[in-house]
Amino acid sequence: MNITFIGLGIMGQAMASNLLKNKTPLIVYNRSLEKTEPLKALGAKVATNIAEAVSDADLVISMLADPIAVRELFFASDGVLSHMKAEATWIDCSTVDPNFSREAAVMAQEQNILFIDAPVAGSKPQAEAAVLSFFVGASHQTIAPFENILLQMGQKIIPFEKVGQGSAFKMVVNMLLGQAMVVFSEAIQLGLKLGIDPDFLLNTLPKLPVTAPFTAFKTDNIRSNEYPAEFPLELMLKDLRLATASYTNAGKRLPMAEAAKAQFEAADQAGLGRADFSAVHQYLAALSTK
């Protein structure tokens, strides 16, 4: 099977690396060519243009920042879909809204290409350790030929049978993640204002049954006030926008998600967009001193 990986950001870099470490032959493509160098050192073939990247691929895996990036790269007249061969498969691991995934499936079908949405749960550490979970908008039977490939990059595949449902579940998960980070940060601010020792708060709150477990991995960031990006804040903001927009389009509102989105928007405007999404704590901490 000829495999091409497109999109070598924080997640894509780690995922493609794990394929190469498992001796899977791989062509890689990224619009910023310098990001291909670490993978070339691991044995990847580097494509310098889209046609070279995908014309012989049986499977194309993409991990891009947002629906705009996917649309620009895949749907353009000279884009990826126009150069893929008939009966190839496109697995999109990007976090997009379910309507976009359904549109992608239609666009792919017009070229006789199978589309599968397969966004992941996990950020940089999970990607590097190959313990991601894949939320797959396809049946067991459809995904079966590609399970071995996905499990070189992760540890679990959760099928949702229908196109777009993997993306739908990823929106639910990331909405919960963003809200929980804001709630955790506000709880710390309250504790500090009430005179509780900060180390006690950071050591104790993540261990309580009422607290989201991932917060335990963000306490070092808060202690040091340094937020190296594992999941950039600007991408969390994008996901919250997708979630709230999808619900608004159905004539409904998500008041708590909208409130969390507003905090991430303000943090992004404060210059924290490229930091880890836990940097929303830094913004809220600064706000509490005003």
Protein backbone atom coordinates (compact mmCIF):
# COMPACT_ATOMS: atom_id res chain seq x y z
CA MET A 1 0.00 0.00 0.00
CA ASN A 2 1.38 3.38 -1.02
CA ILE A 3 0.72 5.92 1.74
CA THR A 4 1.03 9.69 1.73
CA PHE A 5 0.78 11.87 4.84
CA ILE A 6 -0.20 15.53 4.39
CA GLY A 7 0.10 18.13 7.15
CA LEU A 8 3.15 18.11 9.41
CA GLY A 9 2.22 20.37 12.29
CA ILE A 10 2.47 19.36 15.95
CA MET A 11 0.19 16.34 15.53
CA GLY A 12 1.00 15.35 11.97
CA GLN A 13 4.73 15.36 12.64
CA ALA A 14 4.35 12.89 15.51
CA MET A 15 1.84 10.69 13.70
CA ALA A 16 3.95 10.41 10.55
CA SER A 17 7.03 9.72 12.68
CA ASN A 18 5.31 6.75 14.28
CA LEU A 19 4.44 5.28 10.90
CA LEU A 20 8.07 5.55 9.87
CA LYS A 21 9.27 4.05 13.15
CA ASN A 22 7.06 1.07 12.36
CA LYS A 23 8.86 0.67 9.01
CA THR A 24 5.85 1.85 7.02
CA PRO A 25 7.03 3.39 3.72
CA LEU A 26 5.72 6.94 3.54
CA ILE A 27 5.59 9.96 1.28
CA VAL A 28 5.14 13.21 3.17
CA TYR A 29 3.98 16.61 1.98
CA ASN A 30 3.75 19.94 3.73
CA ARG A 31 3.42 23.42 2.33
CA SER A 32 6.32 24.51 4.58
CA LEU A 33 9.07 22.26 3.30
CA GLU A 34 11.32 22.64 6.35
CA LYS A 35 8.86 20.61 8.43
CA THR A 36 9.60 17.56 6.30
CA GLU A 37 13.28 17.40 7.30
CA PRO A 38 12.89 15.37 10.54
CA LEU A 39 10.77 12.83 8.66
CA LYS A 40 13.23 12.63 5.78
CA ALA A 41 15.84 11.68 8.36
CA LEU A 42 13.56 8.81 9.43
CA GLY A 43 13.29 7.53 5.88
CA ALA A 44 10.30 9.37 4.43
CA LYS A 45 10.23 10.37 0.79
CA VAL A 46 9.54 14.10 0.57
CA ALA A 47 7.20 15.32 -2.15
CA THR A 48 7.66 18.89 -3.30
CA ASN A 49 4.26 19.26 -4.96
CA ILE A 50 0.78 17.81 -4.64
CA ALA A 51 0.86 15.70 -7.78
CA GLU A 52 4.11 14.06 -6.73
CA ALA A 53 2.68 13.46 -3.27
CA VAL A 54 -0.56 11.70 -4.13
CA SER A 55 -0.72 10.51 -7.74
CA ASP A 56 0.36 6.95 -6.84
CA ALA A 57 -1.09 6.87 -3.31
CA ASP A 58 -3.52 4.15 -2.31
CA LEU A 59 -4.10 5.97 0.98
CA VAL A 60 -3.79 9.68 1.78
CA ILE A 61 -3.87 10.71 5.45
CA SER A 62 -4.35 14.38 6.26
CA MET A 63 -3.91 16.27 9.52
CA LEU A 64 -4.53 19.96 8.86
CA ALA A 65 -5.40 22.93 11.05
CA ASP A 66 -9.00 23.64 10.09
CA PRO A 67 -11.67 23.26 7.40
CA ILE A 68 -10.25 26.22 5.45
CA ALA A 69 -6.86 24.53 5.15
CA VAL A 70 -8.44 21.24 4.08
CA ARG A 71 -10.65 22.95 1.51
CA GLU A 72 -7.77 24.94 0.01
CA LEU A 73 -5.49 21.94 -0.28
CA PHE A 74 -7.96 19.25 -1.34
CA PHE A 75 -10.86 20.90 -3.19
CA ALA A 76 -9.02 23.36 -5.45
CA SER A 77 -9.04 22.70 -9.20
CA ASP A 78 -5.40 21.59 -8.95
CA GLY A 79 -5.80 20.24 -5.42
CA VAL A 80 -5.21 16.84 -3.86
CA LEU A 81 -8.47 15.23 -4.98
CA SER A 82 -7.79 16.17 -8.59
CA HIS A 83 -4.50 14.26 -8.49
CA MET A 84 -5.55 11.16 -6.52
CA LYS A 85 -6.20 7.99 -8.47
CA ALA A 86 -9.61 6.36 -8.62
CA GLU A 87 -10.47 3.91 -5.82
CA ALA A 88 -7.86 5.41 -3.48
CA THR A 89 -8.82 6.33 0.08
CA TRP A 90 -8.57 9.64 1.93
CA ILE A 91 -8.56 9.53 5.74
CA ASP A 92 -8.91 13.01 7.22
CA CYS A 93 -7.72 13.30 10.82
CA SER A 94 -8.22 17.07 10.94
CA THR A 95 -10.69 18.52 13.43
CA VAL A 96 -13.52 19.90 11.32
CA ASP A 97 -17.29 20.14 11.68
CA PRO A 98 -19.45 17.18 10.58
CA ASN A 99 -21.07 19.08 7.72
CA PHE A 100 -17.63 19.72 6.27
CA SER A 101 -16.77 16.01 6.52
CA ARG A 102 -19.97 15.16 4.68
CA GLU A 103 -19.11 17.69 1.99
CA ALA A 104 -15.62 16.17 1.71
CA ALA A 105 -17.16 12.71 1.27
CA VAL A 106 -19.29 14.00 -1.62
CA MET A 107 -16.33 15.73 -3.25
CA ALA A 108 -14.23 12.58 -2.92
CA GLN A 109 -16.99 10.34 -4.26
CA GLU A 110 -17.16 12.46 -7.42
CA GLN A 111 -13.55 11.37 -8.05
CA ASN A 112 -14.32 7.74 -7.12
CA ILE A 113 -12.32 8.15 -3.90
CA LEU A 114 -13.37 6.78 -0.51
CA PHE A 115 -13.45 9.40 2.24
CA ILE A 116 -13.24 8.58 5.97
CA ASP A 117 -13.31 11.16 8.74
CA ALA A 118 -11.05 10.04 11.60
CA PRO A 119 -10.21 12.90 13.99
CA VAL A 120 -8.23 11.99 17.09
CA ALA A 121 -8.42 12.40 20.84
CA GLY A 122 -5.10 13.44 22.31
CA SER A 123 -2.51 16.15 21.86
CA LYS A 124 1.26 16.19 21.33
CA PRO A 125 2.28 13.74 24.13
CA GLN A 126 -0.34 11.18 23.07
CA ALA A 127 0.61 11.56 19.41
CA GLU A 128 4.30 11.07 20.20
CA ALA A 129 3.53 8.00 22.34
CA ALA A 130 1.15 6.57 19.70
CA VAL A 131 -1.75 6.36 22.15
CA LEU A 132 -4.27 8.45 20.24
CA SER A 133 -7.90 7.41 19.87
CA PHE A 134 -9.46 7.67 16.42
CA PHE A 135 -13.13 8.66 16.07
CA VAL A 136 -13.99 7.14 12.72
CA GLY A 137 -17.00 8.05 10.61
CA ALA A 138 -17.19 4.62 9.00
CA SER A 139 -18.17 1.04 9.74
CA HIS A 140 -15.87 -1.68 11.08
CA GLN A 141 -15.88 -3.25 7.63
CA THR A 142 -14.90 -0.02 5.86
CA ILE A 143 -12.06 0.82 8.23
CA ALA A 144 -10.73 -2.75 8.55
CA PRO A 145 -8.13 -2.51 5.72
CA PHE A 146 -6.59 0.51 7.45
CA GLU A 147 -6.73 -0.55 11.09
CA ASN A 148 -3.09 -1.61 11.19
CA ILE A 149 -2.03 1.80 9.89
CA LEU A 150 -4.13 3.72 12.39
CA LEU A 151 -2.95 1.55 15.27
CA GLN A 152 0.66 2.42 14.49
CA MET A 153 -0.34 5.96 15.45
CA GLY A 154 -2.85 5.24 18.21
CA GLN A 155 -4.25 2.65 20.55
CA LYS A 156 -7.99 2.75 19.94
CA ILE A 157 -10.39 3.01 17.00
CA ILE A 158 -13.99 3.96 17.72
CA PRO A 159 -16.25 3.55 14.66
CA PHE A 160 -19.40 5.65 14.30
CA GLU A 161 -20.74 3.99 11.15
CA LYS A 162 -21.79 7.16 9.30
CA VAL A 163 -19.66 9.78 7.54
CA GLY A 164 -19.31 12.91 9.67
CA GLN A 165 -20.09 11.24 12.98
CA GLY A 166 -16.42 10.89 13.89
CA SER A 167 -16.07 14.65 13.41
CA ALA A 168 -19.29 15.22 15.34
CA PHE A 169 -18.00 13.31 18.36
CA LYS A 170 -14.66 15.14 18.22
CA MET A 171 -16.55 18.44 18.48
CA VAL A 172 -18.32 17.16 21.60
CA VAL A 173 -15.02 16.05 23.15
CA ASN A 174 -13.17 19.29 22.45
CA MET A 175 -16.06 21.44 23.65
CA LEU A 176 -15.90 19.55 26.94
CA LEU A 177 -12.11 19.95 27.07
CA GLY A 178 -12.22 23.71 26.52
CA GLN A 179 -14.95 24.29 29.08
CA ALA A 180 -13.17 22.13 31.66
CA MET A 181 -9.95 24.14 31.28
CA VAL A 182 -11.79 27.40 31.93
CA VAL A 183 -13.63 25.93 34.92
CA PHE A 184 -10.38 24.58 36.40
CA SER A 185 -8.67 27.95 35.96
CA GLU A 186 -11.54 29.83 37.57
CA ALA A 187 -11.58 27.40 40.49
CA ILE A 188 -7.89 28.11 41.09
CA GLN A 189 -8.53 31.86 40.97
CA LEU A 190 -11.30 31.52 43.54
CA GLY A 191 -9.11 29.40 45.80
CA LEU A 192 -6.30 31.96 45.64
CA LYS A 193 -8.66 34.83 46.44
CA LEU A 194 -9.89 32.86 49.46
CA GLY A 195 -6.34 32.47 50.74
CA ILE A 196 -5.72 28.82 49.86
CA ASP A 197 -2.11 27.88 49.13
CA PRO A 198 -1.49 27.66 45.35
CA ASP A 199 0.56 24.46 45.58
CA PHE A 200 -2.19 22.83 47.60
CA LEU A 201 -4.72 23.79 44.92
CA LEU A 202 -2.56 22.50 42.06
CA ASN A 203 -1.66 19.28 43.88
CA THR A 204 -5.13 18.50 45.18
CA LEU A 205 -7.76 19.70 42.71
CA PRO A 206 -6.71 17.43 39.80
CA LYS A 207 -6.96 14.36 42.03
CA LEU A 208 -10.56 14.98 43.08
CA PRO A 209 -13.34 12.95 41.43
CA VAL A 210 -15.09 16.15 40.35
CA THR A 211 -12.13 17.35 38.27
CA ALA A 212 -11.30 16.54 34.65
CA PRO A 213 -8.26 14.18 34.75
CA PHE A 214 -6.33 16.04 32.01
CA THR A 215 -5.85 19.02 34.35
CA ALA A 216 -3.13 17.05 36.15
CA PHE A 217 -1.00 17.42 33.01
CA LYS A 218 -1.45 21.20 32.93
CA THR A 219 -0.39 22.08 36.47
CA ASP A 220 3.31 22.39 35.55
CA ASN A 221 2.37 25.00 32.96
CA ILE A 222 0.45 26.95 35.55
CA ARG A 223 3.21 26.71 38.16
CA SER A 224 5.89 27.92 35.76
CA ASN A 225 3.63 30.32 33.89
CA GLU A 226 5.05 28.83 30.72
CA TYR A 227 2.77 27.24 28.14
CA PRO A 228 4.64 25.30 25.42
CA ALA A 229 2.08 24.31 22.82
CA GLU A 230 0.84 20.74 22.89
CA PHE A 231 -2.60 21.81 21.67
CA PRO A 232 -2.46 25.49 20.62
CA LEU A 233 -5.00 27.84 22.13
CA GLU A 234 -5.92 29.18 18.69
CA LEU A 235 -7.00 25.67 17.63
CA MET A 236 -9.10 25.20 20.75
CA LEU A 237 -10.77 28.50 19.90
CA LYS A 238 -11.39 27.22 16.37
CA ASP A 239 -13.02 24.07 17.76
CA LEU A 240 -15.28 26.02 20.12
CA ARG A 241 -16.32 28.23 17.24
CA LEU A 242 -17.16 25.17 15.15
CA ALA A 243 -19.17 23.64 17.98
CA THR A 244 -21.19 26.75 18.79
CA ALA A 245 -21.75 27.56 15.11
CA SER A 246 -23.03 24.04 14.40
CA TYR A 247 -25.53 24.29 17.24
CA THR A 248 -26.55 27.84 16.29
CA ASN A 249 -27.21 26.65 12.75
CA ALA A 250 -29.73 24.24 14.23
CA GLY A 251 -31.48 27.15 15.94
CA LYS A 252 -30.09 26.40 19.39
CA ARG A 253 -27.55 27.91 21.77
CA LEU A 254 -24.83 26.45 23.97
CA PRO A 255 -24.52 29.11 26.70
CA MET A 256 -21.62 27.51 28.58
CA ALA A 257 -19.67 26.78 25.41
CA GLU A 258 -20.24 30.35 24.26
CA ALA A 259 -18.94 31.63 27.60
CA ALA A 260 -15.83 29.45 27.34
CA LYS A 261 -15.33 30.55 23.74
CA ALA A 262 -15.40 34.19 24.84
CA GLN A 263 -12.55 33.53 27.30
CA PHE A 264 -10.45 31.82 24.63
CA GLU A 265 -11.18 34.64 22.19
CA ALA A 266 -9.98 37.18 24.73
CA ALA A 267 -6.86 35.11 25.47
CA ASP A 268 -6.16 34.84 21.74
CA GLN A 269 -6.53 38.60 21.35
CA ALA A 270 -4.09 38.99 24.27
CA GLY A 271 -1.44 37.26 22.18
CA LEU A 272 -1.71 33.73 23.57
CA GLY A 273 -3.00 31.99 20.45
CA ARG A 274 0.20 30.06 19.72
CA ALA A 275 0.63 28.98 23.35
CA ASP A 276 -0.93 25.81 24.76
CA PHE A 277 -4.67 26.06 25.30
CA SER A 278 -4.05 25.91 29.06
CA ALA A 279 -2.66 29.47 28.70
CA VAL A 280 -6.26 30.60 29.09
CA HIS A 281 -5.33 30.30 32.77
CA GLN A 282 -2.69 33.01 32.32
CA TYR A 283 -5.29 35.30 30.79
CA LEU A 284 -7.82 34.64 33.56
CA ALA A 285 -5.15 35.08 36.25
CA ALA A 286 -4.19 38.47 34.81
CA LEU A 287 -7.85 39.42 34.62
CA SER A 288 -8.35 38.65 38.30
CA THR A 289 -5.66 41.17 39.30
CA LYS A 290 -7.31 44.09 37.53
